[in-house]
Structure formats: C-alpha cells, structure tokens
C-alpha atoms as a PDB file:
ATOM      1  CA  UNK A   1      24.259  18.651  -4.514  1.00  0.00           C
ATOM      2  CA  UNK A   2      21.820  21.071  -6.264  1.00  0.00           C
ATOM      3  CA  UNK A   3      23.739  24.062  -4.973  1.00  0.00           C
ATOM      4  CA  UNK A   4      27.246  22.599  -4.829  1.00  0.00           C
ATOM      5  CA  UNK A   5      30.192  24.663  -6.115  1.00  0.00           C
ATOM      6  CA  UNK A   6      30.805  22.092  -8.945  1.00  0.00           C
ATOM      7  CA  UNK A   7      27.232  22.426 -10.235  1.00  0.00           C
ATOM      8  CA  UNK A   8      27.490  26.368 -10.144  1.00  0.00           C
ATOM      9  CA  UNK A   9      30.844  26.142 -12.060  1.00  0.00           C
ATOM     10  CA  UNK A  10      29.378  23.780 -14.678  1.00  0.00           C
ATOM     11  CA  UNK A  11      26.380  25.974 -15.103  1.00  0.00           C
ATOM     12  CA  UNK A  12      28.604  29.069 -15.510  1.00  0.00           C
ATOM     13  CA  UNK A  13      30.759  27.324 -18.052  1.00  0.00           C
ATOM     14  CA  UNK A  14      27.556  26.084 -19.922  1.00  0.00           C
ATOM     15  CA  UNK A  15      26.155  29.681 -20.002  1.00  0.00           C
ATOM     16  CA  UNK A  16      29.510  31.001 -21.230  1.00  0.00           C
ATOM     17  CA  UNK A  17      29.675  28.346 -23.946  1.00  0.00           C
ATOM     18  CA  UNK A  18      26.149  29.246 -25.023  1.00  0.00           C
ATOM     19  CA  UNK A  19      27.107  32.965 -25.192  1.00  0.00           C
ATOM     20  CA  UNK A  20      30.171  32.202 -27.228  1.00  0.00           C
ATOM     21  CA  UNK A  21      28.135  29.931 -29.664  1.00  0.00           C
ATOM     22  CA  UNK A  22      25.488  32.772 -29.985  1.00  0.00           C
ATOM     23  CA  UNK A  23      28.184  35.365 -30.781  1.00  0.00           C
ATOM     24  CA  UNK A  24      29.847  33.232 -33.336  1.00  0.00           C
ATOM     25  CA  UNK A  25      26.435  32.541 -35.000  1.00  0.00           C
ATOM     26  CA  UNK A  26      25.678  36.274 -35.328  1.00  0.00           C
ATOM     27  CA  UNK A  27      29.255  37.115 -36.364  1.00  0.00           C
ATOM     28  CA  UNK A  28      29.319  34.430 -39.159  1.00  0.00           C
ATOM     29  CA  UNK A  29      29.759  35.572 -42.796  1.00  0.00           C
ATOM     30  CA  UNK A  30      26.498  36.564 -44.409  1.00  0.00           C
ATOM     31  CA  UNK A  31      27.597  36.277 -48.033  1.00  0.00           C
ATOM     32  CA  UNK A  32      27.562  39.986 -48.652  1.00  0.00           C
ATOM     33  CA  UNK A  33      30.397  42.455 -49.214  1.00  0.00           C
ATOM     34  CA  UNK A  34      30.749  45.104 -46.479  1.00  0.00           C
ATOM     35  CA  UNK A  35      33.031  48.195 -46.947  1.00  0.00           C
ATOM     36  CA  UNK A  36      33.539  50.604 -44.074  1.00  0.00           C
ATOM     37  CA  UNK A  37      34.963  53.946 -44.836  1.00  0.00           C
ATOM     38  CA  UNK A  38      36.059  54.641 -41.207  1.00  0.00           C
ATOM     39  CA  UNK A  39      35.535  57.823 -39.441  1.00  0.00           C
ATOM     40  CA  UNK A  40      39.182  58.528 -38.683  1.00  0.00           C
ATOM     41  CA  UNK A  41      41.486  61.312 -39.427  1.00  0.00           C
ATOM     42  CA  UNK A  42      43.425  60.445 -42.865  1.00  0.00           C
ATOM     43  CA  UNK A  43      42.090  57.616 -45.069  1.00  0.00           C
ATOM     44  CA  UNK A  44      41.038  54.140 -43.652  1.00  0.00           C
ATOM     45  CA  UNK A  45      38.929  51.503 -45.256  1.00  0.00           C
ATOM     46  CA  UNK A  46      38.003  48.117 -43.808  1.00  0.00           C
ATOM     47  CA  UNK A  47      36.570  45.436 -46.129  1.00  0.00           C
ATOM     48  CA  UNK A  48      34.777  42.398 -44.849  1.00  0.00           C
ATOM     49  CA  UNK A  49      34.642  39.841 -47.778  1.00  0.00           C
ATOM     50  CA  UNK A  50      31.638  37.831 -48.630  1.00  0.00           C
ATOM     51  CA  UNK A  51      33.328  34.694 -47.011  1.00  0.00           C
ATOM     52  CA  UNK A  52      34.182  36.522 -43.837  1.00  0.00           C
ATOM     53  CA  UNK A  53      37.902  37.673 -44.457  1.00  0.00           C
ATOM     54  CA  UNK A  54      39.046  41.152 -43.611  1.00  0.00           C
ATOM     55  CA  UNK A  55      41.093  43.526 -45.726  1.00  0.00           C
ATOM     56  CA  UNK A  56      42.567  46.825 -44.390  1.00  0.00           C
ATOM     57  CA  UNK A  57      43.333  49.595 -46.830  1.00  0.00           C
ATOM     58  CA  UNK A  58      45.447  52.335 -45.367  1.00  0.00           C
ATOM     59  CA  UNK A  59      44.708  53.080 -41.601  1.00  0.00           C
ATOM     60  CA  UNK A  60      44.444  56.731 -40.985  1.00  0.00           C
ATOM     61  CA  UNK A  61      46.557  59.016 -38.745  1.00  0.00           C
ATOM     62  CA  UNK A  62      45.296  57.997 -35.369  1.00  0.00           C
ATOM     63  CA  UNK A  63      46.742  54.524 -34.333  1.00  0.00           C
ATOM     64  CA  UNK A  64      44.537  54.168 -31.187  1.00  0.00           C
ATOM     65  CA  UNK A  65      41.233  55.165 -33.068  1.00  0.00           C
ATOM     66  CA  UNK A  66      42.068  52.578 -35.918  1.00  0.00           C
ATOM     67  CA  UNK A  67      42.542  49.924 -33.269  1.00  0.00           C
ATOM     68  CA  UNK A  68      39.299  50.815 -31.641  1.00  0.00           C
ATOM     69  CA  UNK A  69      37.528  50.542 -35.068  1.00  0.00           C
ATOM     70  CA  UNK A  70      39.005  47.178 -35.705  1.00  0.00           C
ATOM     71  CA  UNK A  71      38.121  45.982 -32.191  1.00  0.00           C
ATOM     72  CA  UNK A  72      34.426  46.866 -32.732  1.00  0.00           C
ATOM     73  CA  UNK A  73      34.185  45.317 -36.311  1.00  0.00           C
ATOM     74  CA  UNK A  74      36.287  42.063 -36.077  1.00  0.00           C
ATOM     75  CA  UNK A  75      35.190  39.103 -34.077  1.00  0.00           C
ATOM     76  CA  UNK A  76      37.215  39.042 -30.748  1.00  0.00           C
ATOM     77  CA  UNK A  77      38.932  35.707 -31.768  1.00  0.00           C
ATOM     78  CA  UNK A  78      40.221  37.108 -35.069  1.00  0.00           C
ATOM     79  CA  UNK A  79      43.867  38.061 -34.943  1.00  0.00           C
ATOM     80  CA  UNK A  80      44.494  38.129 -38.663  1.00  0.00           C
ATOM     81  CA  UNK A  81      43.826  40.168 -41.894  1.00  0.00           C
ATOM     82  CA  UNK A  82      43.674  38.646 -45.346  1.00  0.00           C
ATOM     83  CA  UNK A  83      45.376  41.706 -46.807  1.00  0.00           C
ATOM     84  CA  UNK A  84      46.910  44.971 -45.515  1.00  0.00           C
ATOM     85  CA  UNK A  85      47.293  47.360 -48.463  1.00  0.00           C
ATOM     86  CA  UNK A  86      48.650  50.992 -48.583  1.00  0.00           C
ATOM     87  CA  UNK A  87      47.567  53.445 -51.265  1.00  0.00           C
ATOM     88  CA  UNK A  88      50.343  55.861 -50.099  1.00  0.00           C
ATOM     89  CA  UNK A  89      52.854  55.585 -47.288  1.00  0.00           C
ATOM     90  CA  UNK A  90      52.364  58.853 -45.582  1.00  0.00           C
ATOM     91  CA  UNK A  91      51.419  60.223 -42.175  1.00  0.00           C
ATOM     92  CA  UNK A  92      47.730  60.356 -43.125  1.00  0.00           C
ATOM     93  CA  UNK A  93      47.533  56.597 -43.843  1.00  0.00           C
ATOM     94  CA  UNK A  94      50.450  54.711 -42.279  1.00  0.00           C
ATOM     95  CA  UNK A  95      50.264  55.154 -38.501  1.00  0.00           C
ATOM     96  CA  UNK A  96      46.945  53.508 -38.211  1.00  0.00           C
ATOM     97  CA  UNK A  97      48.109  50.405 -40.285  1.00  0.00           C
ATOM     98  CA  UNK A  98      51.108  50.165 -38.121  1.00  0.00           C
ATOM     99  CA  UNK A  99      48.817  49.949 -35.146  1.00  0.00           C
ATOM    100  CA  UNK A 100      46.752  47.272 -36.861  1.00  0.00           C
ATOM    101  CA  UNK A 101      49.746  45.099 -37.741  1.00  0.00           C
ATOM    102  CA  UNK A 102      51.022  45.142 -34.223  1.00  0.00           C
ATOM    103  CA  UNK A 103      47.772  43.292 -33.221  1.00  0.00           C
ATOM    104  CA  UNK A 104      46.746  41.381 -36.490  1.00  0.00           C
ATOM    105  CA  UNK A 105      48.838  39.255 -38.687  1.00  0.00           C
ATOM    106  CA  UNK A 106      48.369  39.962 -42.371  1.00  0.00           C
ATOM    107  CA  UNK A 107      48.353  37.213 -44.913  1.00  0.00           C
ATOM    108  CA  UNK A 108      49.526  39.569 -47.591  1.00  0.00           C
ATOM    109  CA  UNK A 109      50.835  43.120 -47.705  1.00  0.00           C
ATOM    110  CA  UNK A 110      50.490  45.419 -50.740  1.00  0.00           C
ATOM    111  CA  UNK A 111      52.540  48.570 -50.862  1.00  0.00           C
ATOM    112  CA  UNK A 112      53.580  51.378 -53.321  1.00  0.00           C
ATOM    113  CA  UNK A 113      57.217  52.640 -53.275  1.00  0.00           C
ATOM    114  CA  UNK A 114      58.211  53.536 -49.725  1.00  0.00           C
ATOM    115  CA  UNK A 115      60.214  56.292 -48.419  1.00  0.00           C
ATOM    116  CA  UNK A 116      62.875  55.389 -45.797  1.00  0.00           C
ATOM    117  CA  UNK A 117      61.678  56.811 -42.543  1.00  0.00           C
ATOM    118  CA  UNK A 118      60.759  55.626 -39.052  1.00  0.00           C
ATOM    119  CA  UNK A 119      57.187  54.887 -40.026  1.00  0.00           C
ATOM    120  CA  UNK A 120      58.004  52.808 -43.064  1.00  0.00           C
ATOM    121  CA  UNK A 121      60.807  51.013 -41.187  1.00  0.00           C
ATOM    122  CA  UNK A 122      58.311  49.909 -38.419  1.00  0.00           C
ATOM    123  CA  UNK A 123      55.799  48.894 -41.024  1.00  0.00           C
ATOM    124  CA  UNK A 124      58.457  46.608 -42.714  1.00  0.00           C
ATOM    125  CA  UNK A 125      59.626  45.317 -39.449  1.00  0.00           C
ATOM    126  CA  UNK A 126      56.083  44.245 -38.502  1.00  0.00           C
ATOM    127  CA  UNK A 127      55.428  42.521 -41.858  1.00  0.00           C
ATOM    128  CA  UNK A 128      58.885  40.806 -41.855  1.00  0.00           C
ATOM    129  CA  UNK A 129      58.350  39.773 -38.189  1.00  0.00           C
ATOM    130  CA  UNK A 130      55.192  38.041 -39.313  1.00  0.00           C
ATOM    131  CA  UNK A 131      56.650  36.566 -42.445  1.00  0.00           C
ATOM    132  CA  UNK A 132      54.036  38.367 -44.429  1.00  0.00           C
ATOM    133  CA  UNK A 133      54.755  38.368 -48.209  1.00  0.00           C
ATOM    134  CA  UNK A 134      55.037  42.012 -49.353  1.00  0.00           C
ATOM    135  CA  UNK A 135      54.149  42.729 -52.808  1.00  0.00           C
ATOM    136  CA  UNK A 136      54.668  46.053 -54.701  1.00  0.00           C
ATOM    137  CA  UNK A 137      51.529  46.911 -56.606  1.00  0.00           C
ATOM    138  CA  UNK A 138      51.321  47.067 -60.350  1.00  0.00           C
ATOM    139  CA  UNK A 139      48.379  48.149 -62.596  1.00  0.00           C
ATOM    140  CA  UNK A 140      46.263  45.328 -63.719  1.00  0.00           C
ATOM    141  CA  UNK A 141      47.083  43.060 -60.739  1.00  0.00           C
ATOM    142  CA  UNK A 142      44.060  41.360 -59.146  1.00  0.00           C
ATOM    143  CA  UNK A 143      43.596  39.763 -55.632  1.00  0.00           C
ATOM    144  CA  UNK A 144      40.720  37.438 -54.956  1.00  0.00           C
ATOM    145  CA  UNK A 145      39.037  38.455 -51.796  1.00  0.00           C
ATOM    146  CA  UNK A 146      36.743  35.520 -50.938  1.00  0.00           C
ATOM    147  CA  UNK A 147      34.161  36.229 -53.722  1.00  0.00           C
ATOM    148  CA  UNK A 148      35.160  39.767 -54.530  1.00  0.00           C
ATOM    149  CA  UNK A 149      38.080  40.955 -56.567  1.00  0.00           C
ATOM    150  CA  UNK A 150      40.482  43.802 -55.828  1.00  0.00           C
ATOM    151  CA  UNK A 151      42.071  45.177 -58.926  1.00  0.00           C
ATOM    152  CA  UNK A 152      45.010  47.749 -58.985  1.00  0.00           C
ATOM    153  CA  UNK A 153      43.810  50.329 -61.557  1.00  0.00           C
ATOM    154  CA  UNK A 154      46.755  52.808 -61.647  1.00  0.00           C
ATOM    155  CA  UNK A 155      49.998  53.703 -59.719  1.00  0.00           C
ATOM    156  CA  UNK A 156      52.299  56.624 -59.733  1.00  0.00           C
ATOM    157  CA  UNK A 157      56.028  56.394 -60.302  1.00  0.00           C
ATOM    158  CA  UNK A 158      57.325  57.676 -57.003  1.00  0.00           C
ATOM    159  CA  UNK A 159      56.760  57.377 -53.278  1.00  0.00           C
ATOM    160  CA  UNK A 160      54.726  60.674 -53.381  1.00  0.00           C
ATOM    161  CA  UNK A 161      52.245  59.097 -55.818  1.00  0.00           C
ATOM    162  CA  UNK A 162      49.169  57.174 -54.845  1.00  0.00           C
ATOM    163  CA  UNK A 163      47.505  54.000 -55.812  1.00  0.00           C
ATOM    164  CA  UNK A 164      43.961  53.640 -57.263  1.00  0.00           C
ATOM    165  CA  UNK A 165      42.030  50.354 -56.697  1.00  0.00           C
ATOM    166  CA  UNK A 166      38.609  48.868 -57.679  1.00  0.00           C
ATOM    167  CA  UNK A 167      36.724  46.459 -55.749  1.00  0.00           C
ATOM    168  CA  UNK A 168      34.168  44.322 -57.601  1.00  0.00           C
ATOM    169  CA  UNK A 169      31.517  41.970 -56.390  1.00  0.00           C
ATOM    170  CA  UNK A 170      28.982  40.895 -58.899  1.00  0.00           C
ATOM    171  CA  UNK A 171      27.324  43.963 -60.292  1.00  0.00           C
ATOM    172  CA  UNK A 172      28.758  46.262 -57.631  1.00  0.00           C
ATOM    173  CA  UNK A 173      31.935  48.139 -58.517  1.00  0.00           C
ATOM    174  CA  UNK A 174      33.627  50.498 -56.106  1.00  0.00           C
ATOM    175  CA  UNK A 175      36.728  52.596 -56.889  1.00  0.00           C
ATOM    176  CA  UNK A 176      38.979  53.517 -53.956  1.00  0.00           C
ATOM    177  CA  UNK A 177      40.833  56.622 -55.031  1.00  0.00           C
ATOM    178  CA  UNK A 178      41.439  58.564 -51.789  1.00  0.00           C
ATOM    179  CA  UNK A 179      45.169  58.864 -52.761  1.00  0.00           C
ATOM    180  CA  UNK A 180      44.551  59.744 -56.387  1.00  0.00           C
ATOM    181  CA  UNK A 181      46.212  62.876 -57.655  1.00  0.00           C
ATOM    182  CA  UNK A 182      45.660  64.244 -61.237  1.00  0.00           C
ATOM    183  CA  UNK A 183      48.865  62.453 -62.266  1.00  0.00           C
ATOM    184  CA  UNK A 184      46.787  59.184 -62.448  1.00  0.00           C
ATOM    185  CA  UNK A 185      43.766  60.552 -64.220  1.00  0.00           C
ATOM    186  CA  UNK A 186      44.892  59.768 -67.870  1.00  0.00           C
ATOM    187  CA  UNK A 187      45.729  56.309 -66.909  1.00  0.00           C
ATOM    188  CA  UNK A 188      42.434  55.799 -65.044  1.00  0.00           C
ATOM    189  CA  UNK A 189      40.534  57.307 -67.968  1.00  0.00           C
ATOM    190  CA  UNK A 190      41.514  54.635 -70.346  1.00  0.00           C
ATOM    191  CA  UNK A 191      39.527  51.901 -68.570  1.00  0.00           C
ATOM    192  CA  UNK A 192      36.946  54.108 -66.733  1.00  0.00           C
ATOM    193  CA  UNK A 193      33.276  52.985 -66.971  1.00  0.00           C
ATOM    194  CA  UNK A 194      30.228  53.574 -64.754  1.00  0.00           C
ATOM    195  CA  UNK A 195      30.643  52.484 -61.131  1.00  0.00           C
ATOM    196  CA  UNK A 196      28.503  51.974 -58.059  1.00  0.00           C
ATOM    197  CA  UNK A 197      30.512  54.037 -55.598  1.00  0.00           C
ATOM    198  CA  UNK A 198      33.644  56.126 -55.532  1.00  0.00           C
ATOM    199  CA  UNK A 199      35.983  56.899 -52.556  1.00  0.00           C
ATOM    200  CA  UNK A 200      37.428  60.268 -53.516  1.00  0.00           C
ATOM    201  CA  UNK A 201      39.360  63.195 -52.067  1.00  0.00           C
ATOM    202  CA  UNK A 202      37.343  66.092 -50.691  1.00  0.00           C
ATOM    203  CA  UNK A 203      39.830  68.686 -52.026  1.00  0.00           C
ATOM    204  CA  UNK A 204      39.721  67.483 -55.876  1.00  0.00           C
ATOM    205  CA  UNK A 205      37.637  68.910 -58.477  1.00  0.00           C
ATOM    206  CA  UNK A 206      34.640  66.817 -59.680  1.00  0.00           C
ATOM    207  CA  UNK A 207      34.076  68.517 -63.064  1.00  0.00           C
ATOM    208  CA  UNK A 208      36.585  66.185 -64.955  1.00  0.00           C
ATOM    209  CA  UNK A 209      36.351  63.736 -67.725  1.00  0.00           C
ATOM    210  CA  UNK A 210      37.320  60.960 -65.342  1.00  0.00           C
ATOM    211  CA  UNK A 211      34.332  61.574 -63.103  1.00  0.00           C
ATOM    212  CA  UNK A 212      32.112  61.974 -66.043  1.00  0.00           C
ATOM    213  CA  UNK A 213      33.193  58.527 -67.242  1.00  0.00           C
ATOM    214  CA  UNK A 214      32.799  56.908 -63.955  1.00  0.00           C
ATOM    215  CA  UNK A 215      29.411  58.418 -63.250  1.00  0.00           C
ATOM    216  CA  UNK A 216      29.294  57.073 -59.682  1.00  0.00           C
ATOM    217  CA  UNK A 217      25.880  56.612 -57.933  1.00  0.00           C
ATOM    218  CA  UNK A 218      27.403  57.458 -54.630  1.00  0.00           C
ATOM    219  CA  UNK A 219      30.698  59.434 -53.558  1.00  0.00           C
ATOM    220  CA  UNK A 220      32.337  58.936 -50.259  1.00  0.00           C
ATOM    221  CA  UNK A 221      34.842  61.755 -49.575  1.00  0.00           C
ATOM    222  CA  UNK A 222      38.057  61.436 -47.709  1.00  0.00           C
ATOM    223  CA  UNK A 223      40.341  64.121 -46.272  1.00  0.00           C
ATOM    224  CA  UNK A 224      44.028  62.599 -46.493  1.00  0.00           C
ATOM    225  CA  UNK A 225      44.780  64.124 -49.991  1.00  0.00           C
ATOM    226  CA  UNK A 226      45.794  67.776 -50.065  1.00  0.00           C
ATOM    227  CA  UNK A 227      45.509  69.730 -53.189  1.00  0.00           C
ATOM    228  CA  UNK A 228      47.325  72.890 -54.087  1.00  0.00           C
ATOM    229  CA  UNK A 229      44.000  74.476 -54.960  1.00  0.00           C
ATOM    230  CA  UNK A 230      41.174  72.730 -52.969  1.00  0.00           C
ATOM    231  CA  UNK A 231      37.670  72.600 -54.687  1.00  0.00           C
ATOM    232  CA  UNK A 232      35.376  74.938 -52.867  1.00  0.00           C
ATOM    233  CA  UNK A 233      32.071  73.305 -53.236  1.00  0.00           C
ATOM    234  CA  UNK A 234      29.174  72.523 -50.783  1.00  0.00           C
ATOM    235  CA  UNK A 235      27.934  69.010 -50.306  1.00  0.00           C
ATOM    236  CA  UNK A 236      24.732  69.851 -52.339  1.00  0.00           C
ATOM    237  CA  UNK A 237      27.025  71.083 -55.317  1.00  0.00           C
ATOM    238  CA  UNK A 238      29.015  67.866 -55.171  1.00  0.00           C
ATOM    239  CA  UNK A 239      25.936  65.741 -55.995  1.00  0.00           C
ATOM    240  CA  UNK A 240      27.446  64.848 -59.522  1.00  0.00           C
ATOM    241  CA  UNK A 241      24.658  63.733 -61.827  1.00  0.00           C
ATOM    242  CA  UNK A 242      22.553  63.102 -58.808  1.00  0.00           C
ATOM    243  CA  UNK A 243      24.940  60.965 -56.833  1.00  0.00           C
ATOM    244  CA  UNK A 244      24.511  60.567 -53.189  1.00  0.00           C
ATOM    245  CA  UNK A 245      27.303  62.077 -51.252  1.00  0.00           C
ATOM    246  CA  UNK A 246      28.831  61.231 -47.873  1.00  0.00           C
ATOM    247  CA  UNK A 247      31.627  62.539 -45.672  1.00  0.00           C
ATOM    248  CA  UNK A 248      32.907  60.781 -42.469  1.00  0.00           C
ATOM    249  CA  UNK A 249      33.100  64.092 -40.567  1.00  0.00           C
ATOM    250  CA  UNK A 250      29.385  64.484 -41.218  1.00  0.00           C
ATOM    251  CA  UNK A 251      28.197  60.946 -41.307  1.00  0.00           C
ATOM    252  CA  UNK A 252      30.572  59.017 -39.189  1.00  0.00           C
ATOM    253  CA  UNK A 253      31.782  55.698 -40.426  1.00  0.00           C
ATOM    254  CA  UNK A 254      30.062  54.864 -43.771  1.00  0.00           C
ATOM    255  CA  UNK A 255      29.187  51.232 -44.717  1.00  0.00           C
ATOM    256  CA  UNK A 256      28.408  49.915 -48.148  1.00  0.00           C
ATOM    257  CA  UNK A 257      26.820  46.609 -48.248  1.00  0.00           C
ATOM    258  CA  UNK A 258      26.310  44.502 -51.416  1.00  0.00           C
ATOM    259  CA  UNK A 259      24.890  41.078 -52.218  1.00  0.00           C
ATOM    260  CA  UNK A 260      26.339  41.276 -55.656  1.00  0.00           C
ATOM    261  CA  UNK A 261      23.075  42.691 -57.143  1.00  0.00           C
ATOM    262  CA  UNK A 262      21.788  45.337 -54.785  1.00  0.00           C
ATOM    263  CA  UNK A 263      23.654  47.999 -52.691  1.00  0.00           C
ATOM    264  CA  UNK A 264      22.765  49.563 -49.419  1.00  0.00           C
ATOM    265  CA  UNK A 265      24.751  52.461 -47.837  1.00  0.00           C
ATOM    266  CA  UNK A 266      24.382  53.181 -44.093  1.00  0.00           C
ATOM    267  CA  UNK A 267      26.007  55.609 -41.886  1.00  0.00           C
ATOM    268  CA  UNK A 268      26.918  55.811 -38.230  1.00  0.00           C
ATOM    269  CA  UNK A 269      24.932  59.030 -37.766  1.00  0.00           C
ATOM    270  CA  UNK A 270      21.833  57.258 -39.212  1.00  0.00           C
ATOM    271  CA  UNK A 271      22.214  54.319 -36.853  1.00  0.00           C
ATOM    272  CA  UNK A 272      22.536  56.539 -33.818  1.00  0.00           C
ATOM    273  CA  UNK A 273      19.606  58.686 -34.682  1.00  0.00           C
ATOM    274  CA  UNK A 274      17.439  55.682 -35.415  1.00  0.00           C
END
C-alpha cells in the first residue's frame, strides 16, 4: 500500500497543490504600486495596481517580446487586464498591444483618434470580440486603478497627436508622456506641478518651461517619439535639477515601486549584476 500507484498519484497531486498555493501566496498583491517601463522597441508600460490589477499602456513594436514580458510579470492564471490604453496608435506602440489583447481580455480600452489601417482594424476587432468597452480619452478624465488614479492630462486633436497621462498613488505622481509632442506643452503647463517621476521622449528637449514646472525627481526616457531635431545630450547632461535618469536600452526594464509615501526605482541591469 505504501508504494502503491494511488499513493504516489495522491502524493504528486498534494505536492502540486502546495506548489500552486505557494506561488499564489508570493504573487498576491502587496498593496504597492508597481510601474514597469518595459525594455522593448517603442513604448510599453505595464502597471500593477495596489490591489493586484494590471494595466497596459501601449505595447511597443515587437509583439513576441511584449507577450514575453507579460508572461513573466503576470501570474500564470491571469488572462485579463483591467485597462488597455493607447497614447498613440502607431507602429511603435500598437503591435505589442495587439499581441496582448490576443491573449488577455481587457476590462476597458482607452484610445486616441485612430487611423483606418490594418493594425487599428485588428485592435478594434479584438476589443469588439471581447465585448470590451472602448472609450475615447478626454482631458480631465480619471480612472480608478485599485487605489491609484490614472488621469488624462492632455490630448491632441488628430490621429498623429499623442496623449499625456498622470498616475497618482498617495504622495507619488508619475507623468506618462512618451507620446507628447510640443503641441501638448501649453495645455500641460496649465496644471503642471512637481512630480515624482516622468516618462519622456529621449529626442525631446529638456530645457523647457514645462519640465521646469514638473521638476521630476526621476526621468525615464523612451524611444518611440521621433522629433524633427533630436536633442543631442548625454545621460549626464539630462540630469535635470539633479534628477535620476534611466533608459531601457541602458538599464533594461525599469520598475518604479511606491507604497504611497516612499518610492523605489530598480532596473533589470541592477538585478542581474546583483
């Protein structure tokens, strides 16, 4: 009886159940906000809310890489996103989100104006197939993200314009402006105040009234935005007012963690070297 096949099967199932319970325990929400600026071509940001929900903003240009990032960071049993949002529907942001929506159902989709092309048609097909409500973003709109709040700061008028968002959790404020061109600066300046962190295009100038008003403590650069005249500054020269600076091509995926009072920023390169 001791070595019977039934005992061995029951023991195997018991060990599997214990392993799954242990995994679920370690994957449980920790009450903190986690923001991952993913190491992917284009712009892609994944948010884990304090209550354990997930929000994908953009998705980058590489569908397979984005799917890999999500597979590593979402519990294996999760097949849903609270929100899928686009800051601009272009080839540097949309392909990865299409890959995500083919695997995960979104509870809400946020989008700027969309061009009619094969990528936007596939994105619309996926959200319609999932019966996901699609909402066109408007300045001032707020979405509760399980304790954190996502606010639409500014939007452009056409499909070529980007969307600026702000994520707040307690004393932590993070502006997501990877798709921001100078056409949004005046609107953003009206409500700009000091922030904790800024996601900002590498090719844009930093010596502007808007950046002076934001005074970010950390700047995370992204690469999707293409300026007519890129700013030629070194990483050291980009330390605006002493801000810490990060770039996925140098640091890998960058994670901001906040408990609502304090903020930590870690990078994939730090973890690998440690």
